[in-house]
All heavy atoms as atom14 arrays in JSON, in Angstrom:
{
  "sequence": "TVLSYRSEREALDILGDTCADRNGLCLLQGPVLSGKSTLLHNFIAT",
  "atom14_mask": [
    [1, 1, 1, 1, 1, 1, 1, 0, 0, 0, 0, 0, 0, 0],
    [1, 1, 1, 1, 1, 1, 1, 0, 0, 0, 0, 0, 0, 0],
    [1, 1, 1, 1, 1, 1, 1, 1, 0, 0, 0, 0, 0, 0],
    [1, 1, 1, 1, 1, 1, 0, 0, 0, 0, 0, 0, 0, 0],
    [1, 1, 1, 1, 1, 1, 1, 1, 1, 1, 1, 1, 0, 0],
    [1, 1, 1, 1, 1, 1, 1, 1, 1, 1, 1, 0, 0, 0],
    [1, 1, 1, 1, 1, 1, 0, 0, 0, 0, 0, 0, 0, 0],
    [1, 1, 1, 1, 1, 1, 1, 1, 1, 0, 0, 0, 0, 0],
    [1, 1, 1, 1, 1, 1, 1, 1, 1, 1, 1, 0, 0, 0],
    [1, 1, 1, 1, 1, 1, 1, 1, 1, 0, 0, 0, 0, 0],
    [1, 1, 1, 1, 1, 0, 0, 0, 0, 0, 0, 0, 0, 0],
    [1, 1, 1, 1, 1, 1, 1, 1, 0, 0, 0, 0, 0, 0],
    [1, 1, 1, 1, 1, 1, 1, 1, 0, 0, 0, 0, 0, 0],
    [1, 1, 1, 1, 1, 1, 1, 1, 0, 0, 0, 0, 0, 0],
    [1, 1, 1, 1, 1, 1, 1, 1, 0, 0, 0, 0, 0, 0],
    [1, 1, 1, 1, 0, 0, 0, 0, 0, 0, 0, 0, 0, 0],
    [1, 1, 1, 1, 1, 1, 1, 1, 0, 0, 0, 0, 0, 0],
    [1, 1, 1, 1, 1, 1, 1, 0, 0, 0, 0, 0, 0, 0],
    [1, 1, 1, 1, 1, 1, 0, 0, 0, 0, 0, 0, 0, 0],
    [1, 1, 1, 1, 1, 0, 0, 0, 0, 0, 0, 0, 0, 0],
    [1, 1, 1, 1, 1, 1, 1, 1, 0, 0, 0, 0, 0, 0],
    [1, 1, 1, 1, 1, 1, 1, 1, 1, 1, 1, 0, 0, 0],
    [1, 1, 1, 1, 1, 1, 1, 1, 0, 0, 0, 0, 0, 0],
    [1, 1, 1, 1, 0, 0, 0, 0, 0, 0, 0, 0, 0, 0],
    [1, 1, 1, 1, 1, 1, 1, 1, 0, 0, 0, 0, 0, 0],
    [1, 1, 1, 1, 1, 1, 0, 0, 0, 0, 0, 0, 0, 0],
    [1, 1, 1, 1, 1, 1, 1, 1, 0, 0, 0, 0, 0, 0],
    [1, 1, 1, 1, 1, 1, 1, 1, 0, 0, 0, 0, 0, 0],
    [1, 1, 1, 1, 1, 1, 1, 1, 1, 0, 0, 0, 0, 0],
    [1, 1, 1, 1, 0, 0, 0, 0, 0, 0, 0, 0, 0, 0],
    [1, 1, 1, 1, 1, 1, 1, 0, 0, 0, 0, 0, 0, 0],
    [1, 1, 1, 1, 1, 1, 1, 0, 0, 0, 0, 0, 0, 0],
    [1, 1, 1, 1, 1, 1, 1, 1, 0, 0, 0, 0, 0, 0],
    [1, 1, 1, 1, 1, 1, 0, 0, 0, 0, 0, 0, 0, 0],
    [1, 1, 1, 1, 0, 0, 0, 0, 0, 0, 0, 0, 0, 0],
    [1, 1, 1, 1, 1, 1, 1, 1, 1, 0, 0, 0, 0, 0],
    [1, 1, 1, 1, 1, 1, 0, 0, 0, 0, 0, 0, 0, 0],
    [1, 1, 1, 1, 1, 1, 1, 0, 0, 0, 0, 0, 0, 0],
    [1, 1, 1, 1, 1, 1, 1, 1, 0, 0, 0, 0, 0, 0],
    [1, 1, 1, 1, 1, 1, 1, 1, 0, 0, 0, 0, 0, 0],
    [1, 1, 1, 1, 1, 1, 1, 1, 1, 1, 0, 0, 0, 0],
    [1, 1, 1, 1, 1, 1, 1, 1, 0, 0, 0, 0, 0, 0],
    [1, 1, 1, 1, 1, 1, 1, 1, 1, 1, 1, 0, 0, 0],
    [1, 1, 1, 1, 1, 1, 1, 1, 0, 0, 0, 0, 0, 0],
    [1, 1, 1, 1, 1, 0, 0, 0, 0, 0, 0, 0, 0, 0],
    [1, 1, 1, 1, 1, 1, 1, 0, 0, 0, 0, 0, 0, 0]
  ],
  "atom14_positions": [
    [[92.26, 125.58, 99.17], [91.7, 124.47, 98.42], [92.84, 123.6, 97.91], [93.96, 124.08, 97.73], [90.84, 124.98, 97.25], [90.24, 123.87, 96.57], [91.67, 125.76, 96.24], [0.0, 0.0, 0.0], [0.0, 0.0, 0.0], [0.0, 0.0, 0.0], [0.0, 0.0, 0.0], [0.0, 0.0, 0.0], [0.0, 0.0, 0.0], [0.0, 0.0, 0.0]],
    [[92.55, 122.32, 97.71], [93.55, 121.38, 97.19], [93.28, 121.18, 95.71], [92.18, 120.78, 95.32], [93.5, 120.04, 97.94], [94.49, 119.05, 97.33], [93.79, 120.24, 99.42], [0.0, 0.0, 0.0], [0.0, 0.0, 0.0], [0.0, 0.0, 0.0], [0.0, 0.0, 0.0], [0.0, 0.0, 0.0], [0.0, 0.0, 0.0], [0.0, 0.0, 0.0]],
    [[94.27, 121.48, 94.9], [94.12, 121.39, 93.46], [94.73, 120.11, 92.92], [95.82, 119.7, 93.35], [94.77, 122.6, 92.76], [94.05, 123.95, 92.84], [92.63, 123.84, 92.38], [94.13, 124.55, 94.22], [0.0, 0.0, 0.0], [0.0, 0.0, 0.0], [0.0, 0.0, 0.0], [0.0, 0.0, 0.0], [0.0, 0.0, 0.0], [0.0, 0.0, 0.0]],
    [[94.05, 119.51, 91.99], [94.55, 118.26, 91.4], [95.17, 118.54, 90.04], [94.63, 119.3, 89.24], [93.39, 117.26, 91.26], [93.83, 116.07, 90.66], [0.0, 0.0, 0.0], [0.0, 0.0, 0.0], [0.0, 0.0, 0.0], [0.0, 0.0, 0.0], [0.0, 0.0, 0.0], [0.0, 0.0, 0.0], [0.0, 0.0, 0.0], [0.0, 0.0, 0.0]],
    [[96.31, 117.93, 89.8], [96.94, 117.99, 88.49], [97.62, 116.64, 88.26], [97.7, 115.8, 89.17], [97.94, 119.15, 88.37], [98.94, 119.23, 89.49], [100.21, 118.68, 89.35], [98.63, 119.87, 90.69], [101.14, 118.75, 90.38], [99.55, 119.95, 91.72], [100.8, 119.39, 91.56], [101.71, 119.45, 92.58], [0.0, 0.0, 0.0], [0.0, 0.0, 0.0]],
    [[98.1, 116.42, 87.05], [98.5, 115.07, 86.66], [99.54, 114.46, 87.58], [99.38, 113.34, 88.08], [99.02, 115.08, 85.22], [99.5, 113.72, 84.74], [99.98, 113.76, 83.31], [100.52, 112.48, 82.91], [101.03, 112.22, 81.71], [101.05, 113.18, 80.8], [101.5, 111.04, 81.41], [0.0, 0.0, 0.0], [0.0, 0.0, 0.0], [0.0, 0.0, 0.0]],
    [[100.64, 115.15, 87.82], [101.72, 114.57, 88.62], [101.26, 114.35, 90.06], [101.65, 113.37, 90.71], [102.95, 115.48, 88.6], [104.06, 114.84, 89.19], [0.0, 0.0, 0.0], [0.0, 0.0, 0.0], [0.0, 0.0, 0.0], [0.0, 0.0, 0.0], [0.0, 0.0, 0.0], [0.0, 0.0, 0.0], [0.0, 0.0, 0.0], [0.0, 0.0, 0.0]],
    [[100.41, 115.26, 90.57], [99.88, 115.09, 91.92], [99.03, 113.84, 92.02], [99.11, 113.07, 92.98], [99.08, 116.34, 92.3], [98.54, 116.36, 93.72], [97.06, 116.06, 93.81], [96.44, 115.76, 92.76], [96.53, 116.12, 94.92], [0.0, 0.0, 0.0], [0.0, 0.0, 0.0], [0.0, 0.0, 0.0], [0.0, 0.0, 0.0], [0.0, 0.0, 0.0]],
    [[98.2, 113.59, 91.0], [97.35, 112.38, 90.99], [98.21, 111.13, 90.91], [97.94, 110.13, 91.59], [96.36, 112.44, 89.83], [95.29, 113.52, 89.98], [94.2, 113.35, 88.94], [94.7, 113.54, 87.58], [94.75, 114.72, 86.96], [94.34, 115.81, 87.6], [95.19, 114.81, 85.72], [0.0, 0.0, 0.0], [0.0, 0.0, 0.0], [0.0, 0.0, 0.0]],
    [[99.23, 111.16, 90.06], [100.12, 110.01, 89.96], [100.8, 109.73, 91.29], [100.9, 108.57, 91.72], [101.16, 110.25, 88.87], [100.61, 110.27, 87.46], [101.66, 110.59, 86.42], [102.78, 110.99, 86.8], [101.37, 110.44, 85.22], [0.0, 0.0, 0.0], [0.0, 0.0, 0.0], [0.0, 0.0, 0.0], [0.0, 0.0, 0.0], [0.0, 0.0, 0.0]],
    [[101.27, 110.79, 91.95], [101.96, 110.61, 93.23], [101.02, 110.05, 94.3], [101.41, 109.17, 95.08], [102.56, 111.94, 93.69], [0.0, 0.0, 0.0], [0.0, 0.0, 0.0], [0.0, 0.0, 0.0], [0.0, 0.0, 0.0], [0.0, 0.0, 0.0], [0.0, 0.0, 0.0], [0.0, 0.0, 0.0], [0.0, 0.0, 0.0], [0.0, 0.0, 0.0]],
    [[99.78, 110.53, 94.33], [98.82, 110.01, 95.3], [98.52, 108.54, 95.04], [98.38, 107.75, 95.98], [97.54, 110.84, 95.27], [97.62, 112.25, 95.86], [96.3, 112.99, 95.65], [97.96, 112.21, 97.34], [0.0, 0.0, 0.0], [0.0, 0.0, 0.0], [0.0, 0.0, 0.0], [0.0, 0.0, 0.0], [0.0, 0.0, 0.0], [0.0, 0.0, 0.0]],
    [[98.41, 108.17, 93.78], [98.18, 106.75, 93.44], [99.35, 105.9, 93.92], [99.16, 104.79, 94.45], [98.02, 106.59, 91.92], [96.67, 107.08, 91.42], [95.77, 107.28, 92.26], [96.53, 107.27, 90.2], [0.0, 0.0, 0.0], [0.0, 0.0, 0.0], [0.0, 0.0, 0.0], [0.0, 0.0, 0.0], [0.0, 0.0, 0.0], [0.0, 0.0, 0.0]],
    [[100.56, 106.41, 93.74], [101.75, 105.67, 94.13], [101.84, 105.54, 95.65], [102.18, 104.48, 96.19], [103.0, 106.34, 93.54], [103.1, 106.0, 92.05], [104.27, 105.95, 94.28], [104.1, 106.81, 91.3], [0.0, 0.0, 0.0], [0.0, 0.0, 0.0], [0.0, 0.0, 0.0], [0.0, 0.0, 0.0], [0.0, 0.0, 0.0], [0.0, 0.0, 0.0]],
    [[101.51, 106.62, 96.37], [101.51, 106.55, 97.82], [100.46, 105.56, 98.32], [100.71, 104.79, 99.25], [101.26, 107.94, 98.41], [102.38, 108.97, 98.23], [101.9, 110.36, 98.64], [103.61, 108.57, 99.04], [0.0, 0.0, 0.0], [0.0, 0.0, 0.0], [0.0, 0.0, 0.0], [0.0, 0.0, 0.0], [0.0, 0.0, 0.0], [0.0, 0.0, 0.0]],
    [[99.29, 105.58, 97.69], [98.25, 104.62, 98.06], [98.68, 103.19, 97.79], [98.43, 102.29, 98.6], [0.0, 0.0, 0.0], [0.0, 0.0, 0.0], [0.0, 0.0, 0.0], [0.0, 0.0, 0.0], [0.0, 0.0, 0.0], [0.0, 0.0, 0.0], [0.0, 0.0, 0.0], [0.0, 0.0, 0.0], [0.0, 0.0, 0.0], [0.0, 0.0, 0.0]],
    [[99.33, 102.98, 96.65], [99.81, 101.65, 96.3], [100.88, 101.19, 97.29], [100.94, 100.02, 97.67], [100.37, 101.66, 94.87], [100.64, 100.27, 94.34], [99.8, 99.38, 94.56], [101.7, 100.07, 93.73], [0.0, 0.0, 0.0], [0.0, 0.0, 0.0], [0.0, 0.0, 0.0], [0.0, 0.0, 0.0], [0.0, 0.0, 0.0], [0.0, 0.0, 0.0]],
    [[101.73, 102.12, 97.71], [102.77, 101.79, 98.68], [102.17, 101.34, 100.0], [102.61, 100.35, 100.6], [103.68, 103.02, 98.91], [104.32, 103.37, 97.67], [104.75, 102.73, 99.96], [0.0, 0.0, 0.0], [0.0, 0.0, 0.0], [0.0, 0.0, 0.0], [0.0, 0.0, 0.0], [0.0, 0.0, 0.0], [0.0, 0.0, 0.0], [0.0, 0.0, 0.0]],
    [[101.15, 102.06, 100.47], [100.53, 101.71, 101.75], [99.68, 100.44, 101.65], [99.44, 99.77, 102.65], [99.68, 102.87, 102.25], [100.69, 104.21, 102.94], [0.0, 0.0, 0.0], [0.0, 0.0, 0.0], [0.0, 0.0, 0.0], [0.0, 0.0, 0.0], [0.0, 0.0, 0.0], [0.0, 0.0, 0.0], [0.0, 0.0, 0.0], [0.0, 0.0, 0.0]],
    [[99.22, 100.12, 100.45], [98.43, 98.9, 100.27], [99.31, 97.66, 100.2], [98.82, 96.54, 100.38], [97.58, 99.01, 99.01], [0.0, 0.0, 0.0], [0.0, 0.0, 0.0], [0.0, 0.0, 0.0], [0.0, 0.0, 0.0], [0.0, 0.0, 0.0], [0.0, 0.0, 0.0], [0.0, 0.0, 0.0], [0.0, 0.0, 0.0], [0.0, 0.0, 0.0]],
    [[100.59, 97.85, 99.93], [101.53, 96.73, 99.8], [102.18, 96.43, 101.14], [102.68, 97.33, 101.81], [102.6, 97.07, 98.76], [103.42, 95.86, 98.35], [104.12, 95.3, 99.22], [103.39, 95.49, 97.17], [0.0, 0.0, 0.0], [0.0, 0.0, 0.0], [0.0, 0.0, 0.0], [0.0, 0.0, 0.0], [0.0, 0.0, 0.0], [0.0, 0.0, 0.0]],
    [[102.17, 95.18, 101.53], [102.71, 94.81, 102.84], [104.2, 95.16, 102.95], [104.72, 95.4, 104.04], [102.53, 93.3, 103.05], [102.81, 92.82, 104.46], [101.69, 93.19, 105.41], [102.07, 92.97, 106.81], [101.22, 93.02, 107.83], [99.96, 93.3, 107.61], [101.64, 92.81, 109.05], [0.0, 0.0, 0.0], [0.0, 0.0, 0.0], [0.0, 0.0, 0.0]],
    [[104.91, 95.2, 101.83], [106.34, 95.5, 101.83], [106.62, 96.87, 101.22], [107.73, 97.13, 100.76], [107.11, 94.42, 101.07], [106.93, 93.06, 101.68], [107.19, 92.87, 102.86], [106.48, 92.09, 100.89], [0.0, 0.0, 0.0], [0.0, 0.0, 0.0], [0.0, 0.0, 0.0], [0.0, 0.0, 0.0], [0.0, 0.0, 0.0], [0.0, 0.0, 0.0]],
    [[105.61, 97.75, 101.21], [105.71, 99.0, 100.47], [106.81, 99.94, 100.95], [106.93, 100.21, 102.15], [0.0, 0.0, 0.0], [0.0, 0.0, 0.0], [0.0, 0.0, 0.0], [0.0, 0.0, 0.0], [0.0, 0.0, 0.0], [0.0, 0.0, 0.0], [0.0, 0.0, 0.0], [0.0, 0.0, 0.0], [0.0, 0.0, 0.0], [0.0, 0.0, 0.0]],
    [[107.6, 100.43, 100.01], [108.58, 101.49, 100.26], [108.64, 102.33, 99.0], [108.81, 101.81, 97.9], [109.95, 100.92, 100.61], [111.0, 101.94, 101.1], [111.98, 101.29, 102.07], [111.76, 102.6, 99.96], [0.0, 0.0, 0.0], [0.0, 0.0, 0.0], [0.0, 0.0, 0.0], [0.0, 0.0, 0.0], [0.0, 0.0, 0.0], [0.0, 0.0, 0.0]],
    [[108.5, 103.64, 99.18], [108.39, 104.54, 98.04], [109.41, 105.67, 98.15], [109.64, 106.2, 99.24], [106.97, 105.11, 97.98], [106.73, 106.49, 96.85], [0.0, 0.0, 0.0], [0.0, 0.0, 0.0], [0.0, 0.0, 0.0], [0.0, 0.0, 0.0], [0.0, 0.0, 0.0], [0.0, 0.0, 0.0], [0.0, 0.0, 0.0], [0.0, 0.0, 0.0]],
    [[110.02, 106.03, 97.04], [110.87, 107.22, 96.95], [110.07, 108.31, 96.26], [109.58, 108.11, 95.14], [112.14, 106.92, 96.16], [112.96, 105.7, 96.58], [114.2, 105.57, 95.7], [113.34, 105.76, 98.05], [0.0, 0.0, 0.0], [0.0, 0.0, 0.0], [0.0, 0.0, 0.0], [0.0, 0.0, 0.0], [0.0, 0.0, 0.0], [0.0, 0.0, 0.0]],
    [[109.92, 109.46, 96.9], [109.19, 110.6, 96.34], [110.15, 111.77, 96.25], [110.59, 112.3, 97.27], [107.99, 110.95, 97.23], [107.17, 112.16, 96.78], [106.46, 111.87, 95.46], [106.16, 112.56, 97.85], [0.0, 0.0, 0.0], [0.0, 0.0, 0.0], [0.0, 0.0, 0.0], [0.0, 0.0, 0.0], [0.0, 0.0, 0.0], [0.0, 0.0, 0.0]],
    [[110.48, 112.16, 95.01], [111.49, 113.17, 94.8], [110.95, 114.34, 93.97], [110.14, 114.15, 93.07], [112.71, 112.56, 94.08], [113.4, 111.48, 94.9], [113.57, 110.17, 94.11], [114.68, 109.73, 93.89], [112.49, 109.57, 93.69], [0.0, 0.0, 0.0], [0.0, 0.0, 0.0], [0.0, 0.0, 0.0], [0.0, 0.0, 0.0], [0.0, 0.0, 0.0]],
    [[111.38, 115.52, 94.33], [110.98, 116.72, 93.61], [111.74, 117.9, 94.18], [112.05, 117.92, 95.37], [0.0, 0.0, 0.0], [0.0, 0.0, 0.0], [0.0, 0.0, 0.0], [0.0, 0.0, 0.0], [0.0, 0.0, 0.0], [0.0, 0.0, 0.0], [0.0, 0.0, 0.0], [0.0, 0.0, 0.0], [0.0, 0.0, 0.0], [0.0, 0.0, 0.0]],
    [[112.06, 118.9, 93.38], [112.85, 120.03, 93.87], [112.11, 120.84, 94.93], [110.92, 120.62, 95.19], [113.09, 120.86, 92.61], [111.99, 120.49, 91.69], [111.68, 119.05, 91.96], [0.0, 0.0, 0.0], [0.0, 0.0, 0.0], [0.0, 0.0, 0.0], [0.0, 0.0, 0.0], [0.0, 0.0, 0.0], [0.0, 0.0, 0.0], [0.0, 0.0, 0.0]],
    [[112.82, 121.75, 95.57], [112.21, 122.64, 96.56], [111.01, 123.35, 95.94], [111.05, 123.79, 94.79], [113.26, 123.68, 97.05], [112.61, 124.69, 97.98], [114.41, 122.98, 97.74], [0.0, 0.0, 0.0], [0.0, 0.0, 0.0], [0.0, 0.0, 0.0], [0.0, 0.0, 0.0], [0.0, 0.0, 0.0], [0.0, 0.0, 0.0], [0.0, 0.0, 0.0]],
    [[109.9, 123.42, 96.7], [108.66, 124.07, 96.28], [107.95, 123.34, 95.14], [107.17, 123.93, 94.39], [108.91, 125.53, 95.87], [109.45, 126.45, 96.98], [109.74, 127.84, 96.44], [108.47, 126.52, 98.15], [0.0, 0.0, 0.0], [0.0, 0.0, 0.0], [0.0, 0.0, 0.0], [0.0, 0.0, 0.0], [0.0, 0.0, 0.0], [0.0, 0.0, 0.0]],
    [[108.2, 122.03, 95.04], [107.5, 121.23, 94.04], [106.19, 120.66, 94.56], [105.46, 120.01, 93.81], [108.4, 120.08, 93.56], [108.75, 119.22, 94.63], [0.0, 0.0, 0.0], [0.0, 0.0, 0.0], [0.0, 0.0, 0.0], [0.0, 0.0, 0.0], [0.0, 0.0, 0.0], [0.0, 0.0, 0.0], [0.0, 0.0, 0.0], [0.0, 0.0, 0.0]],
    [[105.89, 120.87, 95.84], [104.62, 120.43, 96.4], [104.67, 119.13, 97.17], [103.62, 118.56, 97.5], [0.0, 0.0, 0.0], [0.0, 0.0, 0.0], [0.0, 0.0, 0.0], [0.0, 0.0, 0.0], [0.0, 0.0, 0.0], [0.0, 0.0, 0.0], [0.0, 0.0, 0.0], [0.0, 0.0, 0.0], [0.0, 0.0, 0.0], [0.0, 0.0, 0.0]],
    [[105.87, 118.64, 97.51], [105.99, 117.34, 98.2], [105.3, 117.34, 99.56], [104.53, 116.43, 99.88], [107.46, 116.95, 98.38], [108.23, 116.73, 97.11], [109.63, 116.23, 97.39], [110.45, 117.2, 98.22], [110.59, 118.53, 97.63], [0.0, 0.0, 0.0], [0.0, 0.0, 0.0], [0.0, 0.0, 0.0], [0.0, 0.0, 0.0], [0.0, 0.0, 0.0]],
    [[105.59, 118.36, 100.37], [105.05, 118.38, 101.74], [103.53, 118.48, 101.73], [102.84, 117.77, 102.48], [105.65, 119.55, 102.52], [107.04, 119.34, 102.74], [0.0, 0.0, 0.0], [0.0, 0.0, 0.0], [0.0, 0.0, 0.0], [0.0, 0.0, 0.0], [0.0, 0.0, 0.0], [0.0, 0.0, 0.0], [0.0, 0.0, 0.0], [0.0, 0.0, 0.0]],
    [[102.99, 119.36, 100.89], [101.53, 119.48, 100.8], [100.91, 118.17, 100.37], [99.91, 117.71, 100.93], [101.16, 120.59, 99.8], [101.69, 121.83, 100.25], [99.66, 120.71, 99.64], [0.0, 0.0, 0.0], [0.0, 0.0, 0.0], [0.0, 0.0, 0.0], [0.0, 0.0, 0.0], [0.0, 0.0, 0.0], [0.0, 0.0, 0.0], [0.0, 0.0, 0.0]],
    [[101.52, 117.54, 99.37], [101.01, 116.27, 98.88], [101.04, 115.2, 99.96], [100.06, 114.46, 100.16], [101.86, 115.85, 97.67], [101.39, 114.66, 96.84], [101.83, 114.85, 95.4], [101.94, 113.35, 97.36], [0.0, 0.0, 0.0], [0.0, 0.0, 0.0], [0.0, 0.0, 0.0], [0.0, 0.0, 0.0], [0.0, 0.0, 0.0], [0.0, 0.0, 0.0]],
    [[102.15, 115.11, 100.7], [102.28, 114.09, 101.75], [101.24, 114.31, 102.85], [100.61, 113.36, 103.31], [103.69, 114.12, 102.33], [104.79, 113.53, 101.44], [106.16, 113.88, 101.99], [104.63, 112.01, 101.33], [0.0, 0.0, 0.0], [0.0, 0.0, 0.0], [0.0, 0.0, 0.0], [0.0, 0.0, 0.0], [0.0, 0.0, 0.0], [0.0, 0.0, 0.0]],
    [[101.06, 115.54, 103.29], [100.1, 115.81, 104.35], [98.67, 115.57, 103.88], [97.83, 115.08, 104.65], [100.27, 117.23, 104.88], [101.46, 117.39, 105.77], [102.72, 117.7, 105.3], [101.59, 117.26, 107.13], [103.57, 117.76, 106.32], [102.91, 117.5, 107.43], [0.0, 0.0, 0.0], [0.0, 0.0, 0.0], [0.0, 0.0, 0.0], [0.0, 0.0, 0.0]],
    [[98.37, 115.9, 102.63], [97.04, 115.61, 102.09], [96.8, 114.11, 102.04], [95.69, 113.63, 102.32], [96.89, 116.21, 100.69], [96.78, 117.72, 100.71], [96.47, 118.31, 101.74], [97.06, 118.35, 99.59], [0.0, 0.0, 0.0], [0.0, 0.0, 0.0], [0.0, 0.0, 0.0], [0.0, 0.0, 0.0], [0.0, 0.0, 0.0], [0.0, 0.0, 0.0]],
    [[97.83, 113.35, 101.66], [97.67, 111.89, 101.61], [97.46, 111.31, 103.0], [96.58, 110.49, 103.22], [98.9, 111.25, 100.96], [98.88, 109.75, 101.04], [98.02, 109.0, 100.25], [99.71, 109.08, 101.95], [97.98, 107.62, 100.35], [99.68, 107.7, 102.05], [98.81, 106.97, 101.25], [0.0, 0.0, 0.0], [0.0, 0.0, 0.0], [0.0, 0.0, 0.0]],
    [[98.28, 111.75, 103.95], [98.17, 111.23, 105.32], [96.79, 111.52, 105.9], [96.24, 110.71, 106.66], [99.29, 111.82, 106.2], [100.65, 111.23, 105.77], [99.05, 111.55, 107.67], [101.84, 111.89, 106.4], [0.0, 0.0, 0.0], [0.0, 0.0, 0.0], [0.0, 0.0, 0.0], [0.0, 0.0, 0.0], [0.0, 0.0, 0.0], [0.0, 0.0, 0.0]],
    [[96.2, 112.64, 105.52], [94.86, 113.0, 106.03], [93.8, 112.03, 105.55], [92.71, 111.95, 106.14], [94.51, 114.42, 105.59], [0.0, 0.0, 0.0], [0.0, 0.0, 0.0], [0.0, 0.0, 0.0], [0.0, 0.0, 0.0], [0.0, 0.0, 0.0], [0.0, 0.0, 0.0], [0.0, 0.0, 0.0], [0.0, 0.0, 0.0], [0.0, 0.0, 0.0]],
    [[94.07, 111.28, 104.47], [93.09, 110.32, 103.95], [93.18, 108.95, 104.62], [92.32, 108.1, 104.39], [93.27, 110.13, 102.43], [94.53, 109.47, 102.18], [93.24, 111.47, 101.71], [0.0, 0.0, 0.0], [0.0, 0.0, 0.0], [0.0, 0.0, 0.0], [0.0, 0.0, 0.0], [0.0, 0.0, 0.0], [0.0, 0.0, 0.0], [0.0, 0.0, 0.0]]
  ]
}
């Protein structure tokens, strides 16, 4: 199951905003095992 929490929601909003912007470029940073890959793949699936 995919769990939602505050930072994950903020990151998804930012990724969505990046893709909605014609010039969008986003830096997504977090330490190892912070959930970046899961978050990115969940976003791409949408």
